[in-house]
Amino acid sequence: MEQTDTSSWKFKLKAFMNESFRVLKITKKPDAVEFKTIVKVSGLGILIIGFLGFVIQMVRTIFFP
């Protein structure tokens, strides 16, 4: 019984490692333009979420003291 459990998790780990390496092989480093775009979009998203949190906090403070 233990032999099956041990081989099962070893097989799953090996399959996961193979899939992970396959993904890493096809990925590429972003060029400068793509990197700047990602940074801008991420920053904008963070600012929007922060602003929404601020507005919700202000509404809560004003209407529910």
PDB file of N, CA and C in Angstrom:
ATOM      1  N   MET A   1       0.823  -1.193   0.000  1.00  0.00           N
ATOM      2  CA  MET A   1       0.000   0.000   0.000  1.00  0.00           C
ATOM      3  C   MET A   1       0.869   1.259   0.000  1.00  0.00           C
ATOM      4  N   GLU A   2       1.892   1.298   0.862  1.00  0.00           N
ATOM      5  CA  GLU A   2       2.760   2.468   0.911  1.00  0.00           C
ATOM      6  C   GLU A   2       3.522   2.650  -0.388  1.00  0.00           C
ATOM      7  N   GLN A   3       3.875   1.557  -1.031  1.00  0.00           N
ATOM      8  CA  GLN A   3       4.631   1.629  -2.280  1.00  0.00           C
ATOM      9  C   GLN A   3       3.822   2.385  -3.336  1.00  0.00           C
ATOM     10  N   THR A   4       2.536   2.132  -3.397  1.00  0.00           N
ATOM     11  CA  THR A   4       1.683   2.808  -4.366  1.00  0.00           C
ATOM     12  C   THR A   4       1.588   4.300  -4.047  1.00  0.00           C
ATOM     13  N   ASP A   5       1.421   4.635  -2.763  1.00  0.00           N
ATOM     14  CA  ASP A   5       1.328   6.039  -2.375  1.00  0.00           C
ATOM     15  C   ASP A   5       2.621   6.781  -2.688  1.00  0.00           C
ATOM     16  N   THR A   6       3.754   6.144  -2.395  1.00  0.00           N
ATOM     17  CA  THR A   6       5.044   6.775  -2.642  1.00  0.00           C
ATOM     18  C   THR A   6       5.264   6.987  -4.126  1.00  0.00           C
ATOM     19  N   SER A   7       4.987   5.973  -4.923  1.00  0.00           N
ATOM     20  CA  SER A   7       5.198   6.115  -6.360  1.00  0.00           C
ATOM     21  C   SER A   7       4.206   7.106  -6.963  1.00  0.00           C
ATOM     22  N   SER A   8       3.023   7.184  -6.371  1.00  0.00           N
ATOM     23  CA  SER A   8       2.016   8.112  -6.881  1.00  0.00           C
ATOM     24  C   SER A   8       2.471   9.564  -6.708  1.00  0.00           C
ATOM     25  N   TRP A   9       2.933   9.924  -5.522  1.00  0.00           N
ATOM     26  CA  TRP A   9       3.353  11.313  -5.319  1.00  0.00           C
ATOM     27  C   TRP A   9       4.633  11.609  -6.070  1.00  0.00           C
ATOM     28  N   LYS A  10       5.491  10.605  -6.230  1.00  0.00           N
ATOM     29  CA  LYS A  10       6.706  10.815  -7.020  1.00  0.00           C
ATOM     30  C   LYS A  10       6.354  11.052  -8.485  1.00  0.00           C
ATOM     31  N   PHE A  11       5.390  10.281  -8.976  1.00  0.00           N
ATOM     32  CA  PHE A  11       4.952  10.450 -10.366  1.00  0.00           C
ATOM     33  C   PHE A  11       4.326  11.826 -10.569  1.00  0.00           C
ATOM     34  N   LYS A  12       3.483  12.245  -9.628  1.00  0.00           N
ATOM     35  CA  LYS A  12       2.841  13.559  -9.734  1.00  0.00           C
ATOM     36  C   LYS A  12       3.868  14.684  -9.676  1.00  0.00           C
ATOM     37  N   LEU A  13       4.866  14.531  -8.812  1.00  0.00           N
ATOM     38  CA  LEU A  13       5.911  15.544  -8.710  1.00  0.00           C
ATOM     39  C   LEU A  13       6.712  15.628 -10.002  1.00  0.00           C
ATOM     40  N   LYS A  14       7.050  14.475 -10.567  1.00  0.00           N
ATOM     41  CA  LYS A  14       7.816  14.462 -11.813  1.00  0.00           C
ATOM     42  C   LYS A  14       6.999  15.076 -12.955  1.00  0.00           C
ATOM     43  N   ALA A  15       5.706  14.757 -13.019  1.00  0.00           N
ATOM     44  CA  ALA A  15       4.845  15.330 -14.055  1.00  0.00           C
ATOM     45  C   ALA A  15       4.745  16.847 -13.896  1.00  0.00           C
ATOM     46  N   PHE A  16       4.616  17.307 -12.654  1.00  0.00           N
ATOM     47  CA  PHE A  16       4.549  18.747 -12.402  1.00  0.00           C
ATOM     48  C   PHE A  16       5.842  19.432 -12.823  1.00  0.00           C
ATOM     49  N   MET A  17       6.967  18.826 -12.491  1.00  0.00           N
ATOM     50  CA  MET A  17       8.263  19.401 -12.862  1.00  0.00           C
ATOM     51  C   MET A  17       8.404  19.473 -14.385  1.00  0.00           C
ATOM     52  N   ASN A  18       7.998  18.419 -15.082  1.00  0.00           N
ATOM     53  CA  ASN A  18       8.081  18.418 -16.546  1.00  0.00           C
ATOM     54  C   ASN A  18       7.214  19.521 -17.151  1.00  0.00           C
ATOM     55  N   GLU A  19       6.005  19.682 -16.637  1.00  0.00           N
ATOM     56  CA  GLU A  19       5.119  20.731 -17.142  1.00  0.00           C
ATOM     57  C   GLU A  19       5.687  22.121 -16.836  1.00  0.00           C
ATOM     58  N   SER A  20       6.264  22.276 -15.662  1.00  0.00           N
ATOM     59  CA  SER A  20       6.851  23.567 -15.289  1.00  0.00           C
ATOM     60  C   SER A  20       8.017  23.921 -16.201  1.00  0.00           C
ATOM     61  N   PHE A  21       8.893  22.961 -16.474  1.00  0.00           N
ATOM     62  CA  PHE A  21      10.026  23.223 -17.361  1.00  0.00           C
ATOM     63  C   PHE A  21       9.557  23.541 -18.775  1.00  0.00           C
ATOM     64  N   ARG A  22       8.493  22.883 -19.214  1.00  0.00           N
ATOM     65  CA  ARG A  22       7.961  23.158 -20.550  1.00  0.00           C
ATOM     66  C   ARG A  22       7.465  24.601 -20.643  1.00  0.00           C
ATOM     67  N   VAL A  23       6.785  25.061 -19.611  1.00  0.00           N
ATOM     68  CA  VAL A  23       6.304  26.446 -19.596  1.00  0.00           C
ATOM     69  C   VAL A  23       7.485  27.412 -19.587  1.00  0.00           C
ATOM     70  N   LEU A  24       8.504  27.119 -18.780  1.00  0.00           N
ATOM     71  CA  LEU A  24       9.667  28.007 -18.709  1.00  0.00           C
ATOM     72  C   LEU A  24      10.417  28.075 -20.031  1.00  0.00           C
ATOM     73  N   LYS A  25      10.394  27.003 -20.803  1.00  0.00           N
ATOM     74  CA  LYS A  25      11.087  26.994 -22.091  1.00  0.00           C
ATOM     75  C   LYS A  25      10.431  27.937 -23.097  1.00  0.00           C
ATOM     76  N   ILE A  26       9.096  28.054 -23.054  1.00  0.00           N
ATOM     77  CA  ILE A  26       8.415  28.858 -24.072  1.00  0.00           C
ATOM     78  C   ILE A  26       8.240  30.318 -23.651  1.00  0.00           C
ATOM     79  N   THR A  27       8.540  30.637 -22.383  1.00  0.00           N
ATOM     80  CA  THR A  27       8.419  32.034 -21.964  1.00  0.00           C
ATOM     81  C   THR A  27       9.628  32.830 -22.427  1.00  0.00           C
ATOM     82  N   LYS A  28       9.431  34.139 -22.522  1.00  0.00           N
ATOM     83  CA  LYS A  28      10.532  34.999 -22.942  1.00  0.00           C
ATOM     84  C   LYS A  28      10.568  36.230 -22.050  1.00  0.00           C
ATOM     85  N   LYS A  29      11.721  36.839 -21.997  1.00  0.00           N
ATOM     86  CA  LYS A  29      11.884  38.060 -21.226  1.00  0.00           C
ATOM     87  C   LYS A  29      11.227  39.204 -21.995  1.00  0.00           C
ATOM     88  N   PRO A  30      10.407  40.020 -21.311  1.00  0.00           N
ATOM     89  CA  PRO A  30       9.758  41.124 -22.029  1.00  0.00           C
ATOM     90  C   PRO A  30      10.778  42.179 -22.457  1.00  0.00           C
ATOM     91  N   ASP A  31      10.521  42.787 -23.608  1.00  0.00           N
ATOM     92  CA  ASP A  31      11.404  43.872 -24.036  1.00  0.00           C
ATOM     93  C   ASP A  31      11.050  45.137 -23.245  1.00  0.00           C
ATOM     94  N   ALA A  32      11.784  46.200 -23.471  1.00  0.00           N
ATOM     95  CA  ALA A  32      11.635  47.419 -22.672  1.00  0.00           C
ATOM     96  C   ALA A  32      10.242  48.030 -22.807  1.00  0.00           C
ATOM     97  N   VAL A  33       9.709  48.050 -24.019  1.00  0.00           N
ATOM     98  CA  VAL A  33       8.386  48.650 -24.242  1.00  0.00           C
ATOM     99  C   VAL A  33       7.311  47.840 -23.519  1.00  0.00           C
ATOM    100  N   GLU A  34       7.377  46.526 -23.651  1.00  0.00           N
ATOM    101  CA  GLU A  34       6.394  45.668 -22.996  1.00  0.00           C
ATOM    102  C   GLU A  34       6.500  45.803 -21.474  1.00  0.00           C
ATOM    103  N   PHE A  35       7.712  45.866 -20.953  1.00  0.00           N
ATOM    104  CA  PHE A  35       7.912  46.012 -19.515  1.00  0.00           C
ATOM    105  C   PHE A  35       7.330  47.332 -19.011  1.00  0.00           C
ATOM    106  N   LYS A  36       7.575  48.424 -19.738  1.00  0.00           N
ATOM    107  CA  LYS A  36       7.038  49.725 -19.336  1.00  0.00           C
ATOM    108  C   LYS A  36       5.515  49.716 -19.350  1.00  0.00           C
ATOM    109  N   THR A  37       4.930  49.051 -20.349  1.00  0.00           N
ATOM    110  CA  THR A  37       3.474  48.957 -20.423  1.00  0.00           C
ATOM    111  C   THR A  37       2.923  48.189 -19.228  1.00  0.00           C
ATOM    112  N   ILE A  38       3.569  47.090 -18.877  1.00  0.00           N
ATOM    113  CA  ILE A  38       3.128  46.295 -17.730  1.00  0.00           C
ATOM    114  C   ILE A  38       3.216  47.116 -16.448  1.00  0.00           C
ATOM    115  N   VAL A  39       4.300  47.867 -16.283  1.00  0.00           N
ATOM    116  CA  VAL A  39       4.471  48.701 -15.090  1.00  0.00           C
ATOM    117  C   VAL A  39       3.396  49.781 -15.034  1.00  0.00           C
ATOM    118  N   LYS A  40       3.103  50.410 -16.164  1.00  0.00           N
ATOM    119  CA  LYS A  40       2.075  51.461 -16.198  1.00  0.00           C
ATOM    120  C   LYS A  40       0.702  50.899 -15.848  1.00  0.00           C
ATOM    121  N   VAL A  41       0.343  49.787 -16.447  1.00  0.00           N
ATOM    122  CA  VAL A  41      -0.977  49.195 -16.204  1.00  0.00           C
ATOM    123  C   VAL A  41      -1.098  48.741 -14.753  1.00  0.00           C
ATOM    124  N   SER A  42      -0.049  48.120 -14.232  1.00  0.00           N
ATOM    125  CA  SER A  42      -0.075  47.676 -12.836  1.00  0.00           C
ATOM    126  C   SER A  42      -0.187  48.868 -11.891  1.00  0.00           C
ATOM    127  N   GLY A  43       0.579  49.912 -12.145  1.00  0.00           N
ATOM    128  CA  GLY A  43       0.518  51.107 -11.311  1.00  0.00           C
ATOM    129  C   GLY A  43      -0.846  51.764 -11.355  1.00  0.00           C
ATOM    130  N   LEU A  44      -1.422  51.833 -12.546  1.00  0.00           N
ATOM    131  CA  LEU A  44      -2.757  52.411 -12.690  1.00  0.00           C
ATOM    132  C   LEU A  44      -3.786  51.593 -11.914  1.00  0.00           C
ATOM    133  N   GLY A  45      -3.686  50.284 -11.991  1.00  0.00           N
ATOM    134  CA  GLY A  45      -4.599  49.417 -11.239  1.00  0.00           C
ATOM    135  C   GLY A  45      -4.469  49.620  -9.743  1.00  0.00           C
ATOM    136  N   ILE A  46      -3.242  49.738  -9.259  1.00  0.00           N
ATOM    137  CA  ILE A  46      -3.020  49.972  -7.831  1.00  0.00           C
ATOM    138  C   ILE A  46      -3.608  51.316  -7.414  1.00  0.00           C
ATOM    139  N   LEU A  47      -3.411  52.348  -8.234  1.00  0.00           N
ATOM    140  CA  LEU A  47      -3.965  53.667  -7.917  1.00  0.00           C
ATOM    141  C   LEU A  47      -5.491  53.647  -7.892  1.00  0.00           C
ATOM    142  N   ILE A  48      -6.104  52.971  -8.848  1.00  0.00           N
ATOM    143  CA  ILE A  48      -7.571  52.902  -8.899  1.00  0.00           C
ATOM    144  C   ILE A  48      -8.114  52.192  -7.666  1.00  0.00           C
ATOM    145  N   ILE A  49      -7.516  51.067  -7.305  1.00  0.00           N
ATOM    146  CA  ILE A  49      -7.984  50.326  -6.131  1.00  0.00           C
ATOM    147  C   ILE A  49      -7.775  51.153  -4.860  1.00  0.00           C
ATOM    148  N   GLY A  50      -6.641  51.843  -4.766  1.00  0.00           N
ATOM    149  CA  GLY A  50      -6.396  52.704  -3.611  1.00  0.00           C
ATOM    150  C   GLY A  50      -7.390  53.843  -3.526  1.00  0.00           C
ATOM    151  N   PHE A  51      -7.695  54.460  -4.667  1.00  0.00           N
ATOM    152  CA  PHE A  51      -8.665  55.554  -4.691  1.00  0.00           C
ATOM    153  C   PHE A  51     -10.051  55.058  -4.288  1.00  0.00           C
ATOM    154  N   LEU A  52     -10.451  53.895  -4.794  1.00  0.00           N
ATOM    155  CA  LEU A  52     -11.753  53.341  -4.412  1.00  0.00           C
ATOM    156  C   LEU A  52     -11.806  53.053  -2.910  1.00  0.00           C
ATOM    157  N   GLY A  53     -10.734  52.520  -2.375  1.00  0.00           N
ATOM    158  CA  GLY A  53     -10.683  52.280  -0.932  1.00  0.00           C
ATOM    159  C   GLY A  53     -10.794  53.574  -0.142  1.00  0.00           C
ATOM    160  N   PHE A  54     -10.127  54.615  -0.624  1.00  0.00           N
ATOM    161  CA  PHE A  54     -10.197  55.920   0.032  1.00  0.00           C
ATOM    162  C   PHE A  54     -11.618  56.470  -0.004  1.00  0.00           C
ATOM    163  N   VAL A  55     -12.274  56.383  -1.152  1.00  0.00           N
ATOM    164  CA  VAL A  55     -13.647  56.889  -1.283  1.00  0.00           C
ATOM    165  C   VAL A  55     -14.584  56.109  -0.369  1.00  0.00           C
ATOM    166  N   ILE A  56     -14.449  54.800  -0.343  1.00  0.00           N
ATOM    167  CA  ILE A  56     -15.308  53.984   0.526  1.00  0.00           C
ATOM    168  C   ILE A  56     -15.081  54.356   1.986  1.00  0.00           C
ATOM    169  N   GLN A  57     -13.834  54.549   2.376  1.00  0.00           N
ATOM    170  CA  GLN A  57     -13.526  54.941   3.754  1.00  0.00           C
ATOM    171  C   GLN A  57     -14.118  56.305   4.081  1.00  0.00           C
ATOM    172  N   MET A  58     -14.037  57.253   3.149  1.00  0.00           N
ATOM    173  CA  MET A  58     -14.604  58.584   3.385  1.00  0.00           C
ATOM    174  C   MET A  58     -16.122  58.517   3.522  1.00  0.00           C
ATOM    175  N   VAL A  59     -16.781  57.769   2.650  1.00  0.00           N
ATOM    176  CA  VAL A  59     -18.240  57.624   2.729  1.00  0.00           C
ATOM    177  C   VAL A  59     -18.619  56.980   4.055  1.00  0.00           C
ATOM    178  N   ARG A  60     -17.882  55.967   4.453  1.00  0.00           N
ATOM    179  CA  ARG A  60     -18.162  55.283   5.715  1.00  0.00           C
ATOM    180  C   ARG A  60     -17.973  56.231   6.899  1.00  0.00           C
ATOM    181  N   THR A  61     -16.935  57.047   6.851  1.00  0.00           N
ATOM    182  CA  THR A  61     -16.661  57.981   7.942  1.00  0.00           C
ATOM    183  C   THR A  61     -17.723  59.078   8.014  1.00  0.00           C
ATOM    184  N   ILE A  62     -18.165  59.559   6.868  1.00  0.00           N
ATOM    185  CA  ILE A  62     -19.142  60.658   6.842  1.00  0.00           C
ATOM    186  C   ILE A  62     -20.536  60.177   7.232  1.00  0.00           C
ATOM    187  N   PHE A  63     -20.993  59.071   6.654  1.00  0.00           N
ATOM    188  CA  PHE A  63     -22.370  58.631   6.857  1.00  0.00           C
ATOM    189  C   PHE A  63     -22.554  57.681   8.034  1.00  0.00           C
ATOM    190  N   PHE A  64     -21.512  57.024   8.478  1.00  0.00           N
ATOM    191  CA  PHE A  64     -21.617  56.072   9.586  1.00  0.00           C
ATOM    192  C   PHE A  64     -20.527  56.352  10.626  1.00  0.00           C
ATOM    193  N   PRO A  65     -20.676  57.476  11.348  1.00  0.00           N
ATOM    194  CA  PRO A  65     -19.631  57.850  12.319  1.00  0.00           C
ATOM    195  C   PRO A  65     -19.585  56.938  13.543  1.00  0.00           C
TER     196      PRO A  65
END
